[in-house]
């Protein structure tokens, strides 16, 4: 069994609590613990949550901005990737070798779901609400499919947490620092993709105005297909680091984590990659810090209320500026 990460203030209990499935129960502060120490501890956990959330939210917002599909099966594909890495890990290999397998598998699954399910509905002129219902159906299909193969019990990776690094009340393990570093590298890669590559410019143009992009010679159909694969890869990566951070997970572990993803996306503006990065930092840190003062499950309620408010006041955005 892997060594667990330090208990979080207000962390979730038994498996099935999304975002913290299988982590130790609520942390109890030692007598006389300073509020500053608790704050620093929760801030550290918030940075890790924000890192996981940033990878997931950027993939989600890129997908939505380019394809116009609010893919609520995104969380299910994340957990599919987590179980792909678990299968590799269970075969006796490092979970870090399972990570690229999960990335490839989720890229393929995402592209197949689009080609086999979403695109046929869009060609028939399906309304946005119909596409949302279809994506919810895909969520059930993927989650129950994973559960049928892997079983309904929580699992965990066989891996260590690495050395512990601390500064005052801020304490992080080597694994958590690795997750943060991975997220930073991914964000830098997304920036390079969008700003300095032909694919990134084509994605931005397609998101801004698909008809105009097509008239300018951009093969928007191919761009959309590649976008599903790229964002599926990000989804797979997010699923694995989510599972690493959670400690243990099951087929439904990302159900409520999707609320945090949506909150981060809509806080930054739907379709705006850089906004999703900022939204992930705000939501990730806010939910973990708030867990010091409120029961763990209520932080998802707060995130959901914030999501509803943002849906009511924010207009739909695009991938950065219009091109």
C-alpha atoms as a PDB file:
ATOM      1  CA  UNK A   1       0.000   0.000   0.000  1.00  0.00           C
ATOM      2  CA  UNK A   2       1.283   3.497  -0.744  1.00  0.00           C
ATOM      3  CA  UNK A   3       2.163   5.897   1.974  1.00  0.00           C
ATOM      4  CA  UNK A   4      -0.546   8.488   2.326  1.00  0.00           C
ATOM      5  CA  UNK A   5      -0.093  12.202   1.952  1.00  0.00           C
ATOM      6  CA  UNK A   6      -0.445  14.302   5.088  1.00  0.00           C
ATOM      7  CA  UNK A   7      -4.026  14.626   6.317  1.00  0.00           C
ATOM      8  CA  UNK A   8      -5.729  17.760   5.120  1.00  0.00           C
ATOM      9  CA  UNK A   9      -7.741  20.050   7.297  1.00  0.00           C
ATOM     10  CA  UNK A  10     -11.303  19.017   6.598  1.00  0.00           C
ATOM     11  CA  UNK A  11     -10.237  16.316   4.149  1.00  0.00           C
ATOM     12  CA  UNK A  12     -12.787  13.846   2.895  1.00  0.00           C
ATOM     13  CA  UNK A  13     -13.372  10.531   4.554  1.00  0.00           C
ATOM     14  CA  UNK A  14     -14.257   7.241   2.894  1.00  0.00           C
ATOM     15  CA  UNK A  15     -13.751   6.556  -0.777  1.00  0.00           C
ATOM     16  CA  UNK A  16     -16.301   8.201  -2.955  1.00  0.00           C
ATOM     17  CA  UNK A  17     -15.785  11.712  -1.610  1.00  0.00           C
ATOM     18  CA  UNK A  18     -14.678  13.377  -4.844  1.00  0.00           C
ATOM     19  CA  UNK A  19     -11.396  15.200  -4.898  1.00  0.00           C
ATOM     20  CA  UNK A  20     -10.232  13.527  -1.711  1.00  0.00           C
ATOM     21  CA  UNK A  21     -11.346   9.930  -2.098  1.00  0.00           C
ATOM     22  CA  UNK A  22      -9.751   7.722   0.473  1.00  0.00           C
ATOM     23  CA  UNK A  23      -7.614  10.397   2.097  1.00  0.00           C
ATOM     24  CA  UNK A  24      -7.329  10.238   5.867  1.00  0.00           C
ATOM     25  CA  UNK A  25     -10.273  11.566   7.851  1.00  0.00           C
ATOM     26  CA  UNK A  26     -10.570  15.152   8.959  1.00  0.00           C
ATOM     27  CA  UNK A  27      -7.370  16.439  10.427  1.00  0.00           C
ATOM     28  CA  UNK A  28      -7.607  17.378  14.074  1.00  0.00           C
ATOM     29  CA  UNK A  29      -5.440  20.275  15.013  1.00  0.00           C
ATOM     30  CA  UNK A  30      -3.175  19.618  18.000  1.00  0.00           C
ATOM     31  CA  UNK A  31      -4.081  21.525  21.150  1.00  0.00           C
ATOM     32  CA  UNK A  32      -2.927  25.095  20.873  1.00  0.00           C
ATOM     33  CA  UNK A  33      -2.206  24.881  17.136  1.00  0.00           C
ATOM     34  CA  UNK A  34      -1.676  28.376  15.760  1.00  0.00           C
ATOM     35  CA  UNK A  35      -4.214  29.610  13.176  1.00  0.00           C
ATOM     36  CA  UNK A  36      -1.282  30.690  11.002  1.00  0.00           C
ATOM     37  CA  UNK A  37       0.061  27.119  11.009  1.00  0.00           C
ATOM     38  CA  UNK A  38      -3.318  25.741   9.958  1.00  0.00           C
ATOM     39  CA  UNK A  39      -3.597  28.381   7.266  1.00  0.00           C
ATOM     40  CA  UNK A  40      -0.153  27.557   5.857  1.00  0.00           C
ATOM     41  CA  UNK A  41      -0.945  23.834   5.889  1.00  0.00           C
ATOM     42  CA  UNK A  42      -4.220  24.389   4.030  1.00  0.00           C
ATOM     43  CA  UNK A  43      -2.464  26.763   1.626  1.00  0.00           C
ATOM     44  CA  UNK A  44       0.000  24.016   0.730  1.00  0.00           C
ATOM     45  CA  UNK A  45      -2.813  21.572   0.041  1.00  0.00           C
ATOM     46  CA  UNK A  46      -4.571  24.307  -1.922  1.00  0.00           C
ATOM     47  CA  UNK A  47      -1.555  24.681  -4.207  1.00  0.00           C
ATOM     48  CA  UNK A  48      -1.657  20.950  -4.954  1.00  0.00           C
ATOM     49  CA  UNK A  49      -5.420  21.022  -5.586  1.00  0.00           C
ATOM     50  CA  UNK A  50      -4.983  24.078  -7.807  1.00  0.00           C
ATOM     51  CA  UNK A  51      -2.300  22.247  -9.789  1.00  0.00           C
ATOM     52  CA  UNK A  52      -4.545  19.254 -10.448  1.00  0.00           C
ATOM     53  CA  UNK A  53      -7.472  21.535 -11.183  1.00  0.00           C
ATOM     54  CA  UNK A  54      -5.459  23.693 -13.600  1.00  0.00           C
ATOM     55  CA  UNK A  55      -4.583  20.736 -15.822  1.00  0.00           C
ATOM     56  CA  UNK A  56      -8.194  19.561 -15.866  1.00  0.00           C
ATOM     57  CA  UNK A  57      -9.742  23.016 -16.302  1.00  0.00           C
ATOM     58  CA  UNK A  58      -7.454  24.065 -19.149  1.00  0.00           C
ATOM     59  CA  UNK A  59      -8.252  20.871 -21.046  1.00  0.00           C
ATOM     60  CA  UNK A  60     -11.979  21.341 -20.423  1.00  0.00           C
ATOM     61  CA  UNK A  61     -12.034  24.997 -21.489  1.00  0.00           C
ATOM     62  CA  UNK A  62      -9.987  24.352 -24.646  1.00  0.00           C
ATOM     63  CA  UNK A  63     -12.374  21.557 -25.557  1.00  0.00           C
ATOM     64  CA  UNK A  64     -15.456  23.680 -24.969  1.00  0.00           C
ATOM     65  CA  UNK A  65     -14.071  26.759 -26.707  1.00  0.00           C
ATOM     66  CA  UNK A  66     -13.118  24.962 -29.928  1.00  0.00           C
ATOM     67  CA  UNK A  67     -15.853  22.316 -30.198  1.00  0.00           C
ATOM     68  CA  UNK A  68     -18.863  24.078 -28.591  1.00  0.00           C
ATOM     69  CA  UNK A  69     -19.627  20.907 -26.612  1.00  0.00           C
ATOM     70  CA  UNK A  70     -20.055  21.159 -22.835  1.00  0.00           C
ATOM     71  CA  UNK A  71     -18.607  17.706 -22.261  1.00  0.00           C
ATOM     72  CA  UNK A  72     -19.779  16.669 -18.795  1.00  0.00           C
ATOM     73  CA  UNK A  73     -18.247  13.224 -19.412  1.00  0.00           C
ATOM     74  CA  UNK A  74     -14.856  14.900 -18.881  1.00  0.00           C
ATOM     75  CA  UNK A  75     -14.627  13.706 -15.278  1.00  0.00           C
ATOM     76  CA  UNK A  76     -15.476  10.146 -16.299  1.00  0.00           C
ATOM     77  CA  UNK A  77     -12.678  10.167 -18.864  1.00  0.00           C
ATOM     78  CA  UNK A  78     -10.356  11.448 -16.141  1.00  0.00           C
ATOM     79  CA  UNK A  79     -11.114   8.471 -13.930  1.00  0.00           C
ATOM     80  CA  UNK A  80     -10.751   6.129 -16.914  1.00  0.00           C
ATOM     81  CA  UNK A  81      -7.214   7.456 -17.290  1.00  0.00           C
ATOM     82  CA  UNK A  82      -6.560   6.972 -13.584  1.00  0.00           C
ATOM     83  CA  UNK A  83      -7.551   3.303 -13.900  1.00  0.00           C
ATOM     84  CA  UNK A  84      -5.400   2.809 -17.006  1.00  0.00           C
ATOM     85  CA  UNK A  85      -2.407   3.969 -14.972  1.00  0.00           C
ATOM     86  CA  UNK A  86      -3.564   1.713 -12.125  1.00  0.00           C
ATOM     87  CA  UNK A  87      -3.590  -1.290 -14.473  1.00  0.00           C
ATOM     88  CA  UNK A  88       0.006  -0.570 -15.488  1.00  0.00           C
ATOM     89  CA  UNK A  89       0.974  -0.035 -11.848  1.00  0.00           C
ATOM     90  CA  UNK A  90      -0.716  -3.290 -10.811  1.00  0.00           C
ATOM     91  CA  UNK A  91       1.340  -5.148 -13.418  1.00  0.00           C
ATOM     92  CA  UNK A  92       4.441  -4.240 -11.426  1.00  0.00           C
ATOM     93  CA  UNK A  93       5.512  -1.071 -13.216  1.00  0.00           C
ATOM     94  CA  UNK A  94       5.892   2.446 -11.879  1.00  0.00           C
ATOM     95  CA  UNK A  95       2.801   4.617 -11.996  1.00  0.00           C
ATOM     96  CA  UNK A  96       4.960   7.170 -13.815  1.00  0.00           C
ATOM     97  CA  UNK A  97       5.129   4.655 -16.686  1.00  0.00           C
ATOM     98  CA  UNK A  98       1.371   4.299 -16.438  1.00  0.00           C
ATOM     99  CA  UNK A  99       0.932   8.051 -16.841  1.00  0.00           C
ATOM    100  CA  UNK A 100       1.817   8.196 -20.594  1.00  0.00           C
ATOM    101  CA  UNK A 101      -0.369   5.114 -21.150  1.00  0.00           C
ATOM    102  CA  UNK A 102      -3.275   6.976 -19.528  1.00  0.00           C
ATOM    103  CA  UNK A 103      -2.588  10.085 -21.618  1.00  0.00           C
ATOM    104  CA  UNK A 104      -2.653   8.086 -24.865  1.00  0.00           C
ATOM    105  CA  UNK A 105      -5.707   6.042 -23.848  1.00  0.00           C
ATOM    106  CA  UNK A 106      -7.719   9.131 -22.893  1.00  0.00           C
ATOM    107  CA  UNK A 107      -6.706  10.963 -26.073  1.00  0.00           C
ATOM    108  CA  UNK A 108      -8.039   8.020 -28.098  1.00  0.00           C
ATOM    109  CA  UNK A 109     -11.186   7.667 -25.985  1.00  0.00           C
ATOM    110  CA  UNK A 110     -11.941  11.382 -26.224  1.00  0.00           C
ATOM    111  CA  UNK A 111     -11.547  11.383 -30.007  1.00  0.00           C
ATOM    112  CA  UNK A 112     -13.702   8.251 -30.311  1.00  0.00           C
ATOM    113  CA  UNK A 113     -16.474   9.683 -28.139  1.00  0.00           C
ATOM    114  CA  UNK A 114     -16.532  12.774 -30.329  1.00  0.00           C
ATOM    115  CA  UNK A 115     -16.478  10.867 -33.631  1.00  0.00           C
ATOM    116  CA  UNK A 116     -18.913   8.165 -32.587  1.00  0.00           C
ATOM    117  CA  UNK A 117     -21.347  10.109 -30.383  1.00  0.00           C
ATOM    118  CA  UNK A 118     -21.101  13.896 -30.332  1.00  0.00           C
ATOM    119  CA  UNK A 119     -20.432  14.576 -34.025  1.00  0.00           C
ATOM    120  CA  UNK A 120     -23.454  12.556 -35.274  1.00  0.00           C
ATOM    121  CA  UNK A 121     -25.722  14.473 -32.890  1.00  0.00           C
ATOM    122  CA  UNK A 122     -24.248  17.816 -33.957  1.00  0.00           C
ATOM    123  CA  UNK A 123     -24.745  16.956 -37.637  1.00  0.00           C
ATOM    124  CA  UNK A 124     -28.426  16.380 -36.896  1.00  0.00           C
ATOM    125  CA  UNK A 125     -28.658  19.856 -35.389  1.00  0.00           C
ATOM    126  CA  UNK A 126     -28.939  18.763 -31.760  1.00  0.00           C
ATOM    127  CA  UNK A 127     -29.528  21.646 -29.349  1.00  0.00           C
ATOM    128  CA  UNK A 128     -26.977  22.483 -26.629  1.00  0.00           C
ATOM    129  CA  UNK A 129     -29.215  21.004 -23.918  1.00  0.00           C
ATOM    130  CA  UNK A 130     -29.462  17.785 -25.927  1.00  0.00           C
ATOM    131  CA  UNK A 131     -25.666  17.611 -26.097  1.00  0.00           C
ATOM    132  CA  UNK A 132     -25.473  18.098 -22.321  1.00  0.00           C
ATOM    133  CA  UNK A 133     -27.891  15.202 -21.802  1.00  0.00           C
ATOM    134  CA  UNK A 134     -25.876  13.051 -24.209  1.00  0.00           C
ATOM    135  CA  UNK A 135     -22.680  13.858 -22.316  1.00  0.00           C
ATOM    136  CA  UNK A 136     -24.349  12.879 -19.036  1.00  0.00           C
ATOM    137  CA  UNK A 137     -25.272   9.586 -20.650  1.00  0.00           C
ATOM    138  CA  UNK A 138     -21.650   9.080 -21.694  1.00  0.00           C
ATOM    139  CA  UNK A 139     -20.617   9.766 -18.100  1.00  0.00           C
ATOM    140  CA  UNK A 140     -22.750   6.870 -16.880  1.00  0.00           C
ATOM    141  CA  UNK A 141     -21.558   4.566 -19.659  1.00  0.00           C
ATOM    142  CA  UNK A 142     -17.873   5.234 -18.978  1.00  0.00           C
ATOM    143  CA  UNK A 143     -18.131   5.150 -15.176  1.00  0.00           C
ATOM    144  CA  UNK A 144     -20.186   1.964 -15.048  1.00  0.00           C
ATOM    145  CA  UNK A 145     -17.937   0.437 -17.687  1.00  0.00           C
ATOM    146  CA  UNK A 146     -14.879   1.172 -15.549  1.00  0.00           C
ATOM    147  CA  UNK A 147     -16.684  -0.133 -12.475  1.00  0.00           C
ATOM    148  CA  UNK A 148     -17.677  -3.358 -14.258  1.00  0.00           C
ATOM    149  CA  UNK A 149     -14.046  -4.057 -15.146  1.00  0.00           C
ATOM    150  CA  UNK A 150     -12.250  -2.723 -12.067  1.00  0.00           C
ATOM    151  CA  UNK A 151     -14.876  -3.463  -9.413  1.00  0.00           C
ATOM    152  CA  UNK A 152     -16.701  -1.159  -7.053  1.00  0.00           C
ATOM    153  CA  UNK A 153     -14.003  -0.907  -4.381  1.00  0.00           C
ATOM    154  CA  UNK A 154     -11.497   1.880  -3.946  1.00  0.00           C
ATOM    155  CA  UNK A 155      -7.957   1.286  -5.187  1.00  0.00           C
ATOM    156  CA  UNK A 156      -4.655   3.106  -4.802  1.00  0.00           C
ATOM    157  CA  UNK A 157      -1.329   3.293  -6.565  1.00  0.00           C
ATOM    158  CA  UNK A 158       1.707   1.477  -5.201  1.00  0.00           C
ATOM    159  CA  UNK A 159       4.039   4.415  -4.814  1.00  0.00           C
ATOM    160  CA  UNK A 160       5.805   6.390  -2.157  1.00  0.00           C
ATOM    161  CA  UNK A 161       5.215  10.007  -1.228  1.00  0.00           C
ATOM    162  CA  UNK A 162       8.893  10.894  -1.290  1.00  0.00           C
ATOM    163  CA  UNK A 163      10.680  13.110   1.221  1.00  0.00           C
ATOM    164  CA  UNK A 164       8.789  15.785   3.116  1.00  0.00           C
ATOM    165  CA  UNK A 165       9.713  19.438   2.776  1.00  0.00           C
ATOM    166  CA  UNK A 166       8.484  22.039   5.215  1.00  0.00           C
ATOM    167  CA  UNK A 167       8.715  25.736   5.926  1.00  0.00           C
ATOM    168  CA  UNK A 168       6.812  26.765   9.021  1.00  0.00           C
ATOM    169  CA  UNK A 169       3.358  25.263   8.725  1.00  0.00           C
ATOM    170  CA  UNK A 170       3.705  24.785   4.951  1.00  0.00           C
ATOM    171  CA  UNK A 171       4.552  21.110   4.438  1.00  0.00           C
ATOM    172  CA  UNK A 172       4.596  19.257   1.117  1.00  0.00           C
ATOM    173  CA  UNK A 173       5.812  15.834   0.066  1.00  0.00           C
ATOM    174  CA  UNK A 174       8.051  15.119  -2.893  1.00  0.00           C
ATOM    175  CA  UNK A 175       5.038  13.705  -4.741  1.00  0.00           C
ATOM    176  CA  UNK A 176       3.006  16.858  -4.162  1.00  0.00           C
ATOM    177  CA  UNK A 177       5.873  19.028  -5.367  1.00  0.00           C
ATOM    178  CA  UNK A 178       6.084  16.788  -8.437  1.00  0.00           C
ATOM    179  CA  UNK A 179       2.381  17.372  -9.133  1.00  0.00           C
ATOM    180  CA  UNK A 180       2.874  21.145  -8.841  1.00  0.00           C
ATOM    181  CA  UNK A 181       5.916  21.010 -11.173  1.00  0.00           C
ATOM    182  CA  UNK A 182       3.980  18.896 -13.689  1.00  0.00           C
ATOM    183  CA  UNK A 183       1.155  21.424 -13.718  1.00  0.00           C
ATOM    184  CA  UNK A 184       3.549  24.327 -14.266  1.00  0.00           C
ATOM    185  CA  UNK A 185       5.150  22.495 -17.210  1.00  0.00           C
ATOM    186  CA  UNK A 186       1.728  21.744 -18.709  1.00  0.00           C
ATOM    187  CA  UNK A 187       0.643  25.369 -18.390  1.00  0.00           C
ATOM    188  CA  UNK A 188       3.838  26.467 -20.118  1.00  0.00           C
ATOM    189  CA  UNK A 189       3.234  23.891 -22.853  1.00  0.00           C
ATOM    190  CA  UNK A 190      -0.326  25.137 -23.383  1.00  0.00           C
ATOM    191  CA  UNK A 191       0.984  28.692 -23.678  1.00  0.00           C
ATOM    192  CA  UNK A 192       3.510  27.640 -26.330  1.00  0.00           C
ATOM    193  CA  UNK A 193       0.833  25.654 -28.169  1.00  0.00           C
ATOM    194  CA  UNK A 194      -1.638  28.529 -28.335  1.00  0.00           C
ATOM    195  CA  UNK A 195       0.797  31.329 -29.079  1.00  0.00           C
ATOM    196  CA  UNK A 196       3.563  29.863 -31.223  1.00  0.00           C
ATOM    197  CA  UNK A 197       2.215  26.887 -33.201  1.00  0.00           C
ATOM    198  CA  UNK A 198       0.028  26.660 -36.296  1.00  0.00           C
ATOM    199  CA  UNK A 199      -2.296  24.262 -34.496  1.00  0.00           C
ATOM    200  CA  UNK A 200      -2.743  26.651 -31.589  1.00  0.00           C
ATOM    201  CA  UNK A 201      -3.488  29.593 -33.881  1.00  0.00           C
ATOM    202  CA  UNK A 202      -5.947  27.424 -35.822  1.00  0.00           C
ATOM    203  CA  UNK A 203      -7.632  26.412 -32.560  1.00  0.00           C
ATOM    204  CA  UNK A 204      -8.002  30.029 -31.515  1.00  0.00           C
ATOM    205  CA  UNK A 205      -9.358  31.018 -34.908  1.00  0.00           C
ATOM    206  CA  UNK A 206     -11.841  28.144 -34.907  1.00  0.00           C
ATOM    207  CA  UNK A 207     -13.003  29.080 -31.422  1.00  0.00           C
ATOM    208  CA  UNK A 208     -13.443  32.745 -32.363  1.00  0.00           C
ATOM    209  CA  UNK A 209     -15.388  32.195 -35.588  1.00  0.00           C
ATOM    210  CA  UNK A 210     -15.589  28.752 -37.153  1.00  0.00           C
ATOM    211  CA  UNK A 211     -17.128  29.937 -40.420  1.00  0.00           C
ATOM    212  CA  UNK A 212     -14.561  32.697 -40.927  1.00  0.00           C
ATOM    213  CA  UNK A 213     -11.729  30.295 -40.068  1.00  0.00           C
ATOM    214  CA  UNK A 214     -13.032  27.819 -42.661  1.00  0.00           C
ATOM    215  CA  UNK A 215     -13.284  30.565 -45.284  1.00  0.00           C
ATOM    216  CA  UNK A 216      -9.673  31.490 -44.533  1.00  0.00           C
ATOM    217  CA  UNK A 217      -8.550  27.991 -45.463  1.00  0.00           C
ATOM    218  CA  UNK A 218      -8.374  26.425 -42.002  1.00  0.00           C
ATOM    219  CA  UNK A 219      -9.566  22.833 -41.996  1.00  0.00           C
ATOM    220  CA  UNK A 220     -11.788  23.287 -38.984  1.00  0.00           C
ATOM    221  CA  UNK A 221     -12.998  19.684 -38.955  1.00  0.00           C
ATOM    222  CA  UNK A 222      -9.454  18.419 -38.571  1.00  0.00           C
ATOM    223  CA  UNK A 223      -8.691  21.094 -35.964  1.00  0.00           C
ATOM    224  CA  UNK A 224     -11.701  19.991 -33.905  1.00  0.00           C
ATOM    225  CA  UNK A 225     -10.670  16.325 -34.111  1.00  0.00           C
ATOM    226  CA  UNK A 226      -7.123  17.124 -33.005  1.00  0.00           C
ATOM    227  CA  UNK A 227      -8.500  19.314 -30.218  1.00  0.00           C
ATOM    228  CA  UNK A 228     -10.508  16.379 -28.853  1.00  0.00           C
ATOM    229  CA  UNK A 229      -7.336  14.277 -28.822  1.00  0.00           C
ATOM    230  CA  UNK A 230      -5.181  16.988 -27.216  1.00  0.00           C
ATOM    231  CA  UNK A 231      -7.728  17.833 -24.539  1.00  0.00           C
ATOM    232  CA  UNK A 232      -8.310  14.111 -23.953  1.00  0.00           C
ATOM    233  CA  UNK A 233      -4.589  13.771 -23.285  1.00  0.00           C
ATOM    234  CA  UNK A 234      -4.770  16.607 -20.749  1.00  0.00           C
ATOM    235  CA  UNK A 235      -7.817  14.902 -19.233  1.00  0.00           C
ATOM    236  CA  UNK A 236      -5.870  11.643 -18.827  1.00  0.00           C
ATOM    237  CA  UNK A 237      -2.955  13.449 -17.208  1.00  0.00           C
ATOM    238  CA  UNK A 238      -5.339  15.259 -14.866  1.00  0.00           C
ATOM    239  CA  UNK A 239      -6.962  11.951 -13.924  1.00  0.00           C
ATOM    240  CA  UNK A 240      -3.666  10.364 -12.916  1.00  0.00           C
ATOM    241  CA  UNK A 241      -2.417  13.301 -10.844  1.00  0.00           C
ATOM    242  CA  UNK A 242      -5.881  13.562  -9.280  1.00  0.00           C
ATOM    243  CA  UNK A 243      -5.626   9.907  -8.214  1.00  0.00           C
ATOM    244  CA  UNK A 244      -2.079  10.416  -6.936  1.00  0.00           C
ATOM    245  CA  UNK A 245      -3.208  13.347  -4.822  1.00  0.00           C
ATOM    246  CA  UNK A 246      -6.385  11.626  -3.605  1.00  0.00           C
ATOM    247  CA  UNK A 247      -4.546   8.588  -2.240  1.00  0.00           C
ATOM    248  CA  UNK A 248      -7.322   6.171  -3.223  1.00  0.00           C
ATOM    249  CA  UNK A 249     -10.105   6.394  -5.776  1.00  0.00           C
ATOM    250  CA  UNK A 250     -13.014   4.558  -7.349  1.00  0.00           C
ATOM    251  CA  UNK A 251     -15.026   4.838 -10.561  1.00  0.00           C
ATOM    252  CA  UNK A 252     -17.093   7.796  -9.306  1.00  0.00           C
ATOM    253  CA  UNK A 253     -14.318   9.706  -7.525  1.00  0.00           C
ATOM    254  CA  UNK A 254     -14.365  12.659  -9.951  1.00  0.00           C
ATOM    255  CA  UNK A 255     -18.127  13.275  -9.917  1.00  0.00           C
ATOM    256  CA  UNK A 256     -18.057  16.276  -7.588  1.00  0.00           C
ATOM    257  CA  UNK A 257     -14.568  17.293  -8.653  1.00  0.00           C
ATOM    258  CA  UNK A 258     -16.225  18.225 -11.946  1.00  0.00           C
ATOM    259  CA  UNK A 259     -18.021  21.005 -10.039  1.00  0.00           C
ATOM    260  CA  UNK A 260     -14.630  22.497  -9.145  1.00  0.00           C
ATOM    261  CA  UNK A 261     -13.549  22.201 -12.786  1.00  0.00           C
ATOM    262  CA  UNK A 262     -16.663  24.034 -13.975  1.00  0.00           C
ATOM    263  CA  UNK A 263     -16.256  26.695 -11.290  1.00  0.00           C
ATOM    264  CA  UNK A 264     -12.656  27.322 -12.354  1.00  0.00           C
ATOM    265  CA  UNK A 265     -13.613  27.417 -16.047  1.00  0.00           C
ATOM    266  CA  UNK A 266     -16.510  29.833 -15.607  1.00  0.00           C
ATOM    267  CA  UNK A 267     -14.588  32.011 -13.166  1.00  0.00           C
ATOM    268  CA  UNK A 268     -11.910  32.530 -15.797  1.00  0.00           C
ATOM    269  CA  UNK A 269     -14.410  32.732 -18.679  1.00  0.00           C
ATOM    270  CA  UNK A 270     -15.518  29.728 -20.761  1.00  0.00           C
ATOM    271  CA  UNK A 271     -13.065  29.032 -23.566  1.00  0.00           C
ATOM    272  CA  UNK A 272     -10.295  31.172 -22.090  1.00  0.00           C
ATOM    273  CA  UNK A 273      -7.269  29.020 -21.343  1.00  0.00           C
ATOM    274  CA  UNK A 274      -5.444  31.630 -19.275  1.00  0.00           C
ATOM    275  CA  UNK A 275      -8.603  32.436 -17.379  1.00  0.00           C
ATOM    276  CA  UNK A 276      -8.977  28.750 -16.517  1.00  0.00           C
ATOM    277  CA  UNK A 277      -5.441  28.724 -15.106  1.00  0.00           C
ATOM    278  CA  UNK A 278      -6.232  31.682 -12.863  1.00  0.00           C
ATOM    279  CA  UNK A 279      -9.641  30.260 -11.946  1.00  0.00           C
ATOM    280  CA  UNK A 280      -8.020  26.973 -10.931  1.00  0.00           C
ATOM    281  CA  UNK A 281      -5.631  28.756  -8.572  1.00  0.00           C
ATOM    282  CA  UNK A 282      -8.443  30.752  -6.958  1.00  0.00           C
ATOM    283  CA  UNK A 283     -10.867  27.831  -6.615  1.00  0.00           C
ATOM    284  CA  UNK A 284      -8.208  25.322  -5.569  1.00  0.00           C
ATOM    285  CA  UNK A 285      -6.771  27.457  -2.795  1.00  0.00           C
ATOM    286  CA  UNK A 286     -10.163  28.798  -1.681  1.00  0.00           C
ATOM    287  CA  UNK A 287     -11.702  25.327  -1.265  1.00  0.00           C
ATOM    288  CA  UNK A 288      -8.788  23.963   0.749  1.00  0.00           C
ATOM    289  CA  UNK A 289      -8.445  27.024   2.986  1.00  0.00           C
ATOM    290  CA  UNK A 290     -12.201  27.053   3.594  1.00  0.00           C
ATOM    291  CA  UNK A 291     -11.997  23.411   4.721  1.00  0.00           C
ATOM    292  CA  UNK A 292     -10.216  24.635   7.852  1.00  0.00           C
ATOM    293  CA  UNK A 293     -13.360  26.452   8.933  1.00  0.00           C
ATOM    294  CA  UNK A 294     -16.229  24.405   7.479  1.00  0.00           C
ATOM    295  CA  UNK A 295     -17.001  20.674   7.071  1.00  0.00           C
ATOM    296  CA  UNK A 296     -15.181  19.224   4.056  1.00  0.00           C
ATOM    297  CA  UNK A 297     -18.260  18.419   1.976  1.00  0.00           C
ATOM    298  CA  UNK A 298     -19.546  21.993   2.199  1.00  0.00           C
ATOM    299  CA  UNK A 299     -16.680  23.325   0.125  1.00  0.00           C
ATOM    300  CA  UNK A 300     -18.302  21.680  -2.910  1.00  0.00           C
ATOM    301  CA  UNK A 301     -21.560  23.426  -2.028  1.00  0.00           C
ATOM    302  CA  UNK A 302     -19.711  26.746  -1.944  1.00  0.00           C
ATOM    303  CA  UNK A 303     -18.078  25.968  -5.298  1.00  0.00           C
ATOM    304  CA  UNK A 304     -21.470  25.050  -6.776  1.00  0.00           C
ATOM    305  CA  UNK A 305     -23.070  28.280  -5.514  1.00  0.00           C
ATOM    306  CA  UNK A 306     -20.162  30.247  -6.975  1.00  0.00           C
ATOM    307  CA  UNK A 307     -20.678  28.400 -10.271  1.00  0.00           C
ATOM    308  CA  UNK A 308     -24.374  29.315 -10.327  1.00  0.00           C
ATOM    309  CA  UNK A 309     -23.567  32.962  -9.653  1.00  0.00           C
ATOM    310  CA  UNK A 310     -20.984  33.052 -12.435  1.00  0.00           C
ATOM    311  CA  UNK A 311     -23.386  31.363 -14.858  1.00  0.00           C
ATOM    312  CA  UNK A 312     -25.863  34.103 -14.104  1.00  0.00           C
ATOM    313  CA  UNK A 313     -23.566  37.088 -14.516  1.00  0.00           C
ATOM    314  CA  UNK A 314     -20.744  36.131 -16.896  1.00  0.00           C
ATOM    315  CA  UNK A 315     -21.100  36.125 -20.679  1.00  0.00           C
ATOM    316  CA  UNK A 316     -19.628  33.247 -22.665  1.00  0.00           C
ATOM    317  CA  UNK A 317     -16.034  33.894 -23.695  1.00  0.00           C
ATOM    318  CA  UNK A 318     -13.589  32.505 -26.210  1.00  0.00           C
ATOM    319  CA  UNK A 319     -10.008  31.269 -26.321  1.00  0.00           C
ATOM    320  CA  UNK A 320      -8.230  34.416 -25.299  1.00  0.00           C
ATOM    321  CA  UNK A 321      -8.658  37.359 -27.635  1.00  0.00           C
ATOM    322  CA  UNK A 322     -10.537  37.132 -30.918  1.00  0.00           C
ATOM    323  CA  UNK A 323      -8.412  36.502 -33.974  1.00  0.00           C
END
